[in-house]
Amino acid sequence: MTRKIRLGAFLPGGGQHIAAWRHPDQPVDGATSLEFHVALAQEAERGLFDAYFLADGLAIAFGGGIEGGNAKVAGFEPVTLFAALAPLTKHLGFIATASTTYEEPYNLARKFASLDLISGGRAGWNVVTTATESAARNFNLDQQHPHAWRYRRAAEHVDVVGKLWDSFEDDAFIRDKETGVFFDTEKVHFTDHQGEHFKVKGPLNVSRSPQGHPVIVQAGQSEDGRGLAAATAEVIFTAHQRLDTAQEFYRDIKARARGLGRNPDHVLVMPGVSPFVGRTEAEAREKYERLTDLILEEDGIALIKGLTGGTLDLTGADLDGPLPPLDPTEGMKSRQVLIRQIADENGFTIRQLYQWIASARGHFTIVGSAEQIADTLQEWFENEGADGFNILPPWLPTGLSDFVDLVVPELQRRGLFRTEYEGRTLRENLGLPFPENRWAVERRSTHAAE
């Protein structure tokens, strides 16, 4: 089958851009409007997107913050929201973010397995380690755990969740009213995990879904993040400004996955892209400048502070001067490096820097016509830069509709994107294999050896 671009839609109700809520098209209450999220999900499905993706935070980020903009000071917990959206769609996947640092494996496995059943096999879990001091202070800590500790816990957490999701074999439930046999007790398995961070007996009290278990998504880009992604992820959400760095990441992840005995074709790399789409480049540029003009200085400064680890003090700084030196923190290490790279390579002032990252916080912003944007996506896709893209419309719903109405048809015309959904589950649409239950595999191996 011809390889196709995969597309995720990253659609926070308050918009991606830190000034999105001030745009005339953007509902001011979008972050907490279920009606608006329903419309976004249905629009993404109209555009044949693979999945609706949402990040999540465990603390308020005032001003620009990490995810940007006062419009996101309050919003929905993603799994809860997606459980409401799933029955109102048929094909769209739902990838929700949840933290291995502050959630227990049993609760998390149960929550996502439930969403997977509710959606008929369209759930995904975006694995994050949560890197803010403000979140740590909401979970009995005075400061966040060190970066390396968070990733050791994350690796064990994902392992335990996978074991829990395999508690029931696919054919464990008989439900025979005549005999009174509801399930086969030999096909229900204890987890019996005991490790550095977790002790979990199991089994999970939720069965497997039509896609086996939720798709595992990961967004780490540091050395520890790459190791976790190569070992566990099926989709990787990454941030790059240039094709050459995207290629380095892509090739490294594929090589690591192959070295761990995994099929690299089943580890999809999907960089984030924030498109300002116009019928002409001039129209796209006008849209970009209109939104840029709405940025409040204090939000721009807060955005830079959040993305550089939360300690950079720009009080009284010349916003038309260069970004001062940064000391590394225990926060998102790869993003700190990327923000510095963007500033240095472009010669940006502080003001120019926050204007450029206001839409996508380090992900790739493209301003152009549908043809120009399709050219860029095609170049990355065909040259080992990406298997697909997570699209971050700057404001909603218009930014999403622009992409659906203008870019999607151009990608389809080039034979790069689907014209209809291939299946009903998220795995089927992403071209990922069904994960066999580990106990069923073991039983089959035992029988073959006898």
Protein backbone atom coordinates (compact mmCIF):
# COMPACT_ATOMS: atom_id res chain seq x y z
CA MET A 1 0.00 0.00 0.00
CA THR A 2 1.29 3.47 -0.87
CA ARG A 3 2.59 5.34 2.17
CA LYS A 4 0.33 8.23 3.20
CA ILE A 5 0.80 11.25 5.44
CA ARG A 6 -0.79 10.85 8.88
CA LEU A 7 -2.38 13.91 10.44
CA GLY A 8 -3.20 14.76 14.02
CA ALA A 9 -5.15 17.87 14.99
CA PHE A 10 -3.93 19.61 18.16
CA LEU A 11 -7.02 21.61 19.10
CA PRO A 12 -7.15 23.26 22.54
CA GLY A 13 -10.49 25.03 22.72
CA GLY A 14 -8.79 28.30 23.61
CA GLY A 15 -6.64 28.18 20.47
CA GLN A 16 -2.91 27.54 20.07
CA HIS A 17 -1.65 31.12 19.72
CA ILE A 18 -1.24 33.04 22.97
CA ALA A 19 -3.47 35.81 21.54
CA ALA A 20 -5.96 33.47 19.83
CA TRP A 21 -8.81 34.36 22.19
CA ARG A 22 -8.61 37.99 21.05
CA HIS A 23 -9.17 37.06 17.39
CA PRO A 24 -12.69 37.93 16.15
CA ASP A 25 -13.30 34.34 14.95
CA GLN A 26 -12.29 32.64 18.21
CA PRO A 27 -14.93 32.09 20.93
CA VAL A 28 -13.69 33.68 24.14
CA ASP A 29 -15.00 30.72 26.18
CA GLY A 30 -13.73 28.06 23.78
CA ALA A 31 -11.58 26.26 26.36
CA THR A 32 -14.59 25.41 28.53
CA SER A 33 -17.29 25.09 25.87
CA LEU A 34 -18.33 21.50 25.15
CA GLU A 35 -20.36 22.68 22.18
CA PHE A 36 -17.25 24.26 20.64
CA HIS A 37 -15.16 21.11 21.17
CA VAL A 38 -17.88 19.03 19.52
CA ALA A 39 -17.72 21.32 16.48
CA LEU A 40 -13.90 21.06 16.39
CA ALA A 41 -14.01 17.26 16.54
CA GLN A 42 -16.53 17.06 13.74
CA GLU A 43 -14.53 19.51 11.63
CA ALA A 44 -11.36 17.45 12.14
CA GLU A 45 -13.27 14.34 11.10
CA ARG A 46 -14.54 16.17 8.01
CA GLY A 47 -10.87 16.75 7.18
CA LEU A 48 -10.15 13.00 7.64
CA PHE A 49 -7.65 13.64 10.43
CA ASP A 50 -6.37 10.56 12.23
CA ALA A 51 -6.81 11.98 15.71
CA TYR A 52 -7.75 14.88 17.93
CA PHE A 53 -4.76 15.53 20.21
CA LEU A 54 -4.79 17.44 23.49
CA ALA A 55 -1.98 18.35 25.84
CA ASP A 56 -2.67 18.74 29.53
CA GLY A 57 -1.23 20.56 32.50
CA LEU A 58 -1.50 19.90 36.21
CA ALA A 59 -1.19 23.53 37.30
CA ILE A 60 -2.39 26.92 36.13
CA ALA A 61 0.03 28.67 33.78
CA PHE A 62 -0.72 32.36 34.17
CA GLY A 63 -0.15 34.74 31.27
CA GLY A 64 1.77 33.18 28.40
CA GLY A 65 2.70 30.15 30.43
CA ILE A 66 3.88 26.92 28.86
CA GLU A 67 0.84 26.21 26.69
CA GLY A 68 0.22 29.88 26.06
CA GLY A 69 -2.45 32.45 26.71
CA ASN A 70 -4.81 33.46 29.47
CA ALA A 71 -7.64 31.75 27.57
CA LYS A 72 -6.19 28.44 28.78
CA VAL A 73 -6.04 29.31 32.45
CA ALA A 74 -8.93 26.84 32.90
CA GLY A 75 -10.14 23.99 30.70
CA PHE A 76 -11.30 20.39 30.53
CA GLU A 77 -9.42 17.29 31.63
CA PRO A 78 -8.81 15.58 28.24
CA VAL A 79 -9.99 12.02 28.89
CA THR A 80 -13.24 13.28 30.37
CA LEU A 81 -13.76 15.58 27.39
CA PHE A 82 -12.96 12.86 24.85
CA ALA A 83 -15.42 10.45 26.47
CA ALA A 84 -18.09 13.05 25.68
CA LEU A 85 -16.86 13.63 22.10
CA ALA A 86 -16.33 10.01 21.07
CA PRO A 87 -20.05 9.08 20.65
CA LEU A 88 -20.53 12.12 18.40
CA THR A 89 -17.88 10.95 15.88
CA LYS A 90 -17.26 7.71 13.98
CA HIS A 91 -13.65 7.57 12.84
CA LEU A 92 -11.61 10.28 14.58
CA GLY A 93 -9.10 9.08 17.17
CA PHE A 94 -8.64 10.79 20.53
CA ILE A 95 -5.14 11.17 21.99
CA ALA A 96 -5.13 12.50 25.54
CA THR A 97 -2.13 13.49 27.62
CA ALA A 98 -1.62 12.01 31.08
CA SER A 99 1.34 12.15 33.43
CA THR A 100 3.51 9.25 34.56
CA THR A 101 4.94 11.51 37.27
CA TYR A 102 1.72 12.24 39.11
CA GLU A 103 -0.66 9.43 38.15
CA GLU A 104 -0.63 5.81 39.32
CA PRO A 105 -0.52 3.11 36.63
CA TYR A 106 -3.73 1.40 37.73
CA ASN A 107 -5.90 4.53 37.61
CA LEU A 108 -4.38 5.67 34.34
CA ALA A 109 -4.72 2.25 32.68
CA ARG A 110 -8.35 2.04 33.79
CA LYS A 111 -9.19 5.53 32.55
CA PHE A 112 -7.69 5.04 29.08
CA ALA A 113 -9.01 1.50 28.67
CA SER A 114 -12.47 2.89 29.42
CA LEU A 115 -12.07 5.63 26.80
CA ASP A 116 -10.89 3.00 24.32
CA LEU A 117 -14.06 0.96 24.87
CA ILE A 118 -16.33 4.02 24.81
CA SER A 119 -14.82 5.13 21.47
CA GLY A 120 -14.81 1.67 19.91
CA GLY A 121 -11.02 1.50 19.76
CA ARG A 122 -10.06 5.10 18.98
CA ALA A 123 -8.08 6.13 22.08
CA GLY A 124 -4.43 7.05 22.46
CA TRP A 125 -2.30 7.96 25.48
CA ASN A 126 0.28 10.73 25.16
CA VAL A 127 2.89 9.82 27.76
CA VAL A 128 4.43 12.81 29.55
CA THR A 129 6.59 13.26 32.63
CA THR A 130 5.27 16.75 33.67
CA ALA A 131 8.06 19.27 34.03
CA THR A 132 7.00 22.29 36.08
CA GLU A 133 7.61 23.39 39.64
CA SER A 134 4.01 24.62 39.86
CA ALA A 135 2.68 21.12 39.15
CA ALA A 136 5.02 19.59 41.74
CA ARG A 137 3.58 21.90 44.38
CA ASN A 138 0.10 20.51 43.66
CA PHE A 139 1.27 16.98 44.45
CA ASN A 140 2.86 17.11 47.90
CA LEU A 141 6.24 18.37 46.69
CA ASP A 142 8.20 21.58 47.16
CA GLN A 143 10.09 21.12 43.88
CA GLN A 144 9.86 18.81 40.91
CA HIS A 145 11.74 15.54 40.69
CA PRO A 146 14.98 15.51 38.64
CA HIS A 147 14.72 14.87 34.90
CA ALA A 148 16.42 11.43 35.01
CA TRP A 149 14.23 10.26 37.90
CA ARG A 150 11.07 11.25 36.02
CA TYR A 151 12.11 9.19 33.00
CA ARG A 152 13.01 6.11 35.05
CA ARG A 153 9.58 6.26 36.62
CA ALA A 154 7.99 6.84 33.21
CA ALA A 155 9.61 3.74 31.68
CA GLU A 156 8.38 1.56 34.53
CA HIS A 157 4.96 3.24 34.48
CA VAL A 158 4.40 2.48 30.78
CA ASP A 159 5.51 -1.11 31.37
CA VAL A 160 3.00 -1.57 34.19
CA VAL A 161 0.16 0.02 32.22
CA GLY A 162 0.87 -2.34 29.31
CA LYS A 163 0.69 -5.35 31.63
CA LEU A 164 -2.58 -4.09 33.09
CA TRP A 165 -4.08 -3.62 29.62
CA ASP A 166 -3.31 -7.30 28.96
CA SER A 167 -5.17 -8.49 32.06
CA PHE A 168 -7.98 -9.96 29.93
CA GLU A 169 -7.24 -11.92 26.79
CA ASP A 170 -9.34 -10.87 23.79
CA ASP A 171 -11.63 -13.91 24.00
CA ALA A 172 -11.85 -14.06 27.81
CA PHE A 173 -15.53 -13.08 27.95
CA ILE A 174 -17.91 -15.93 27.06
CA ARG A 175 -21.15 -14.46 28.47
CA ASP A 176 -23.16 -17.62 27.93
CA LYS A 177 -26.58 -17.25 29.55
CA GLU A 178 -27.42 -20.94 29.11
CA THR A 179 -24.37 -22.28 30.94
CA GLY A 180 -23.94 -19.35 33.26
CA VAL A 181 -20.30 -18.93 32.28
CA PHE A 182 -19.50 -15.23 32.02
CA PHE A 183 -15.74 -15.38 31.47
CA ASP A 184 -12.91 -17.88 31.20
CA THR A 185 -10.94 -17.60 34.44
CA GLU A 186 -7.85 -19.01 32.74
CA LYS A 187 -7.78 -15.99 30.43
CA VAL A 188 -7.67 -13.37 33.19
CA HIS A 189 -4.17 -12.62 34.48
CA PHE A 190 -2.62 -10.95 37.51
CA THR A 191 -0.07 -8.24 36.83
CA ASP A 192 2.21 -9.12 39.76
CA HIS A 193 4.58 -6.20 39.18
CA GLN A 194 7.11 -5.07 41.74
CA GLY A 195 9.76 -2.53 40.75
CA GLU A 196 11.62 0.60 41.82
CA HIS A 197 8.54 2.85 41.71
CA PHE A 198 5.45 0.63 41.64
CA LYS A 199 3.95 -2.46 43.24
CA VAL A 200 0.81 -3.52 41.38
CA LYS A 201 -1.04 -6.82 41.81
CA GLY A 202 -3.78 -6.43 39.17
CA PRO A 203 -5.68 -7.54 37.16
CA LEU A 204 -7.23 -4.41 35.64
CA ASN A 205 -11.02 -4.35 35.88
CA VAL A 206 -11.53 -3.16 32.28
CA SER A 207 -11.38 -5.45 29.24
CA ARG A 208 -9.50 -4.90 25.97
CA SER A 209 -11.01 -2.89 23.11
CA PRO A 210 -11.41 -3.56 19.36
CA GLN A 211 -7.89 -2.15 18.83
CA GLY A 212 -6.32 -4.20 21.64
CA HIS A 213 -5.21 -1.27 23.72
CA PRO A 214 -4.79 2.51 23.26
CA VAL A 215 -2.07 3.77 20.93
CA ILE A 216 1.01 4.91 22.86
CA VAL A 217 2.18 8.43 21.97
CA GLN A 218 5.26 10.16 23.36
CA ALA A 219 6.77 13.60 22.90
CA GLY A 220 10.20 13.41 24.50
CA GLN A 221 13.14 14.84 22.57
CA SER A 222 15.94 14.79 25.13
CA GLU A 223 18.27 11.78 25.32
CA ASP A 224 16.08 10.20 28.01
CA GLY A 225 12.97 11.10 26.00
CA ARG A 226 14.32 9.49 22.83
CA GLY A 227 15.16 6.32 24.72
CA LEU A 228 11.65 6.08 26.16
CA ALA A 229 10.05 6.87 22.80
CA ALA A 230 12.09 4.30 20.87
CA ALA A 231 11.28 1.61 23.43
CA THR A 232 7.59 2.28 24.00
CA ALA A 233 5.97 4.78 21.61
CA GLU A 234 3.94 4.03 18.50
CA VAL A 235 3.59 7.72 17.60
CA ILE A 236 6.13 10.42 18.48
CA PHE A 237 5.16 14.10 18.61
CA THR A 238 8.32 16.14 18.10
CA ALA A 239 9.37 19.76 17.50
CA HIS A 240 11.73 20.93 14.75
CA GLN A 241 12.36 24.15 12.86
CA ARG A 242 14.41 22.69 10.00
CA LEU A 243 14.38 19.59 7.83
CA ASP A 244 17.95 18.61 8.76
CA THR A 245 17.24 18.43 12.50
CA ALA A 246 13.97 16.61 11.79
CA GLN A 247 15.90 14.08 9.70
CA GLU A 248 18.47 13.54 12.45
CA PHE A 249 15.70 12.86 14.96
CA TYR A 250 13.74 10.64 12.55
CA ARG A 251 16.74 8.49 11.63
CA ASP A 252 17.91 8.24 15.24
CA ILE A 253 14.50 7.11 16.51
CA LYS A 254 14.08 4.56 13.72
CA ALA A 255 17.58 3.16 14.37
CA ARG A 256 16.96 2.94 18.11
CA ALA A 257 13.64 1.18 17.57
CA ARG A 258 15.26 -1.30 15.15
CA GLY A 259 18.03 -1.92 17.67
CA LEU A 260 15.43 -2.80 20.29
CA GLY A 261 13.86 -5.38 17.98
CA ARG A 262 10.93 -3.19 16.95
CA ASN A 263 9.68 -2.59 13.41
CA PRO A 264 10.62 1.07 12.73
CA ASP A 265 7.63 1.38 10.36
CA HIS A 266 5.44 0.97 13.44
CA VAL A 267 7.01 3.98 15.18
CA LEU A 268 5.47 7.02 13.49
CA VAL A 269 7.30 10.35 13.79
CA MET A 270 4.93 13.34 13.58
CA PRO A 271 6.45 16.82 14.01
CA GLY A 272 4.22 19.70 15.06
CA VAL A 273 3.32 22.29 12.40
CA SER A 274 1.41 25.52 12.93
CA PRO A 275 0.08 26.69 9.53
CA PHE A 276 -1.20 30.13 8.61
CA VAL A 277 -3.00 29.24 5.36
CA GLY A 278 -4.07 31.67 2.68
CA ARG A 279 -5.25 31.43 -0.89
CA THR A 280 -2.10 33.41 -1.59
CA GLU A 281 1.09 33.94 0.39
CA ALA A 282 0.10 37.58 0.90
CA GLU A 283 -3.23 36.56 2.42
CA ALA A 284 -1.47 34.09 4.75
CA ARG A 285 1.02 36.77 5.79
CA GLU A 286 -1.85 39.14 6.56
CA LYS A 287 -3.42 36.49 8.83
CA TYR A 288 -0.12 36.00 10.63
CA GLU A 289 0.44 39.70 11.19
CA ARG A 290 -3.14 40.26 12.35
CA LEU A 291 -2.77 37.68 15.10
CA THR A 292 0.76 38.77 16.00
CA ASP A 293 -0.48 42.31 16.58
CA LEU A 294 -2.83 41.02 19.29
CA ILE A 295 -0.05 39.66 21.54
CA LEU A 296 0.24 41.38 24.92
CA GLU A 297 3.85 42.00 25.97
CA GLU A 298 3.34 40.40 29.37
CA ASP A 299 2.00 37.23 27.73
CA GLY A 300 4.96 37.08 25.37
CA ILE A 301 7.42 37.42 28.25
CA ALA A 302 5.57 34.77 30.28
CA LEU A 303 5.66 32.40 27.31
CA ILE A 304 9.44 32.68 26.99
CA LYS A 305 9.86 32.22 30.74
CA GLY A 306 7.72 29.08 30.73
CA LEU A 307 9.50 27.51 27.78
CA THR A 308 12.97 28.22 29.15
CA GLY A 309 12.41 26.43 32.46
CA GLY A 310 10.50 29.02 34.48
CA THR A 311 13.44 30.88 36.00
CA LEU A 312 14.34 33.50 33.38
CA ASP A 313 13.59 37.00 34.72
CA LEU A 314 13.02 39.50 31.91
CA THR A 315 11.78 42.28 34.21
CA GLY A 316 13.04 45.56 32.81
CA ALA A 317 14.77 43.83 29.88
CA ASP A 318 14.96 45.55 26.50
CA LEU A 319 12.42 43.57 24.46
CA ASP A 320 14.13 44.73 21.29
CA GLY A 321 17.46 43.34 22.49
CA PRO A 322 18.79 39.76 22.44
CA LEU A 323 17.67 36.91 24.70
CA PRO A 324 20.02 36.78 27.71
CA PRO A 325 21.97 33.61 28.62
CA LEU A 326 19.92 30.76 30.04
CA ASP A 327 20.80 28.40 32.86
CA PRO A 328 19.42 24.85 32.33
CA THR A 329 16.73 23.68 34.74
CA GLU A 330 15.07 20.36 35.55
CA GLY A 331 12.16 21.34 33.28
CA MET A 332 11.69 20.46 29.59
CA LYS A 333 15.36 20.28 28.67
CA SER A 334 14.93 19.75 24.92
CA ARG A 335 12.52 22.69 24.64
CA GLN A 336 14.93 24.97 26.48
CA VAL A 337 17.62 24.10 23.94
CA LEU A 338 15.21 24.60 21.03
CA ILE A 339 14.10 28.07 22.16
CA ARG A 340 17.73 29.17 22.43
CA GLN A 341 18.41 27.68 18.97
CA ILE A 342 15.48 29.60 17.43
CA ALA A 343 16.64 32.87 18.97
CA ASP A 344 20.28 32.45 17.94
CA GLU A 345 19.81 31.08 14.42
CA ASN A 346 17.34 33.80 13.46
CA GLY A 347 19.02 36.64 15.34
CA PHE A 348 15.70 37.32 17.06
CA THR A 349 15.17 39.96 19.70
CA ILE A 350 13.09 38.96 22.72
CA ARG A 351 10.02 40.50 21.07
CA GLN A 352 10.62 38.76 17.74
CA LEU A 353 11.19 35.48 19.56
CA TYR A 354 7.89 35.50 21.42
CA GLN A 355 6.08 36.62 18.28
CA TRP A 356 7.50 33.65 16.36
CA ILE A 357 6.84 30.99 19.03
CA ALA A 358 3.45 32.43 20.02
CA SER A 359 1.59 29.97 17.79
CA ALA A 360 3.46 26.77 18.37
CA ARG A 361 5.94 27.16 21.27
CA GLY A 362 8.85 25.81 19.28
CA HIS A 363 7.00 23.77 16.69
CA PHE A 364 7.37 24.73 13.03
CA THR A 365 5.29 27.73 11.92
CA ILE A 366 4.55 27.94 8.18
CA VAL A 367 3.01 31.01 6.57
CA GLY A 368 1.90 30.51 2.97
CA SER A 369 -0.58 29.31 0.39
CA ALA A 370 -1.98 25.79 0.40
CA GLU A 371 0.50 24.82 -2.31
CA GLN A 372 3.46 26.22 -0.36
CA ILE A 373 2.42 24.44 2.83
CA ALA A 374 1.83 21.18 0.94
CA ASP A 375 5.28 21.58 -0.64
CA THR A 376 6.90 21.75 2.79
CA LEU A 377 4.94 18.82 4.23
CA GLN A 378 5.72 16.74 1.15
CA GLU A 379 9.43 17.56 1.35
CA TRP A 380 9.65 16.46 4.99
CA PHE A 381 7.49 13.37 4.39
CA GLU A 382 9.46 12.14 1.37
CA ASN A 383 12.92 12.84 2.81
CA GLU A 384 12.96 11.05 6.17
CA GLY A 385 11.76 14.02 8.17
CA ALA A 386 8.28 12.80 9.09
CA ASP A 387 5.66 10.07 8.77
CA GLY A 388 2.97 12.65 9.34
CA PHE A 389 2.31 15.88 11.21
CA ASN A 390 0.47 17.15 14.24
CA ILE A 391 -1.30 20.26 12.94
CA LEU A 392 -1.57 23.18 15.39
CA PRO A 393 -4.05 25.71 13.92
CA PRO A 394 -3.15 29.12 15.41
CA TRP A 395 -6.75 30.05 16.19
CA LEU A 396 -10.05 28.20 16.00
CA PRO A 397 -12.21 27.26 14.28
CA THR A 398 -11.01 29.20 11.20
CA GLY A 399 -7.40 28.02 11.32
CA LEU A 400 -8.59 24.40 11.26
CA SER A 401 -11.16 25.02 8.53
CA ASP A 402 -8.53 26.79 6.40
CA PHE A 403 -6.37 23.66 6.55
CA VAL A 404 -9.29 21.31 5.86
CA ASP A 405 -10.62 23.36 2.94
CA LEU A 406 -7.33 24.35 1.31
CA VAL A 407 -4.41 22.11 2.30
CA VAL A 408 -6.14 18.72 2.61
CA PRO A 409 -7.47 18.82 -1.00
CA GLU A 410 -3.99 19.77 -2.22
CA LEU A 411 -2.42 16.83 -0.37
CA GLN A 412 -5.12 14.54 -1.77
CA ARG A 413 -4.50 15.84 -5.30
CA ARG A 414 -0.85 14.84 -4.90
CA GLY A 415 -1.81 11.36 -3.67
CA LEU A 416 -0.27 12.03 -0.27
CA PHE A 417 -3.37 11.85 1.95
CA ARG A 418 -6.42 9.62 2.25
CA THR A 419 -9.75 10.39 0.59
CA GLU A 420 -11.62 8.22 3.09
CA TYR A 421 -10.84 6.49 6.37
CA GLU A 422 -9.23 3.08 6.02
CA GLY A 423 -10.76 1.57 9.16
CA ARG A 424 -12.77 2.16 12.29
CA THR A 425 -10.02 2.08 14.94
CA LEU A 426 -7.20 4.54 15.46
CA ARG A 427 -4.66 1.76 14.84
CA GLU A 428 -6.24 0.81 11.52
CA ASN A 429 -6.20 4.40 10.31
CA LEU A 430 -2.60 4.93 11.40
CA GLY A 431 -1.52 1.66 9.80
CA LEU A 432 -0.35 0.24 13.13
CA PRO A 433 -0.60 -3.47 13.97
CA PHE A 434 -3.02 -4.98 16.46
CA PRO A 435 -1.08 -5.65 19.70
CA GLU A 436 -1.41 -9.31 20.58
CA ASN A 437 -2.13 -10.09 24.20
CA ARG A 438 1.13 -11.22 25.83
CA TRP A 439 -0.56 -14.14 27.60
CA ALA A 440 -2.13 -15.43 24.40
CA VAL A 441 1.28 -15.25 22.70
CA GLU A 442 2.86 -17.14 25.58
CA ARG A 443 0.17 -19.85 25.48
CA ARG A 444 0.60 -20.26 21.74
CA SER A 445 4.38 -20.55 22.12
CA THR A 446 3.99 -23.12 24.89
CA HIS A 447 1.62 -25.24 22.80
CA ALA A 448 3.93 -25.04 19.79
CA ALA A 449 6.84 -26.30 21.89
CA GLU A 450 4.90 -29.30 23.22
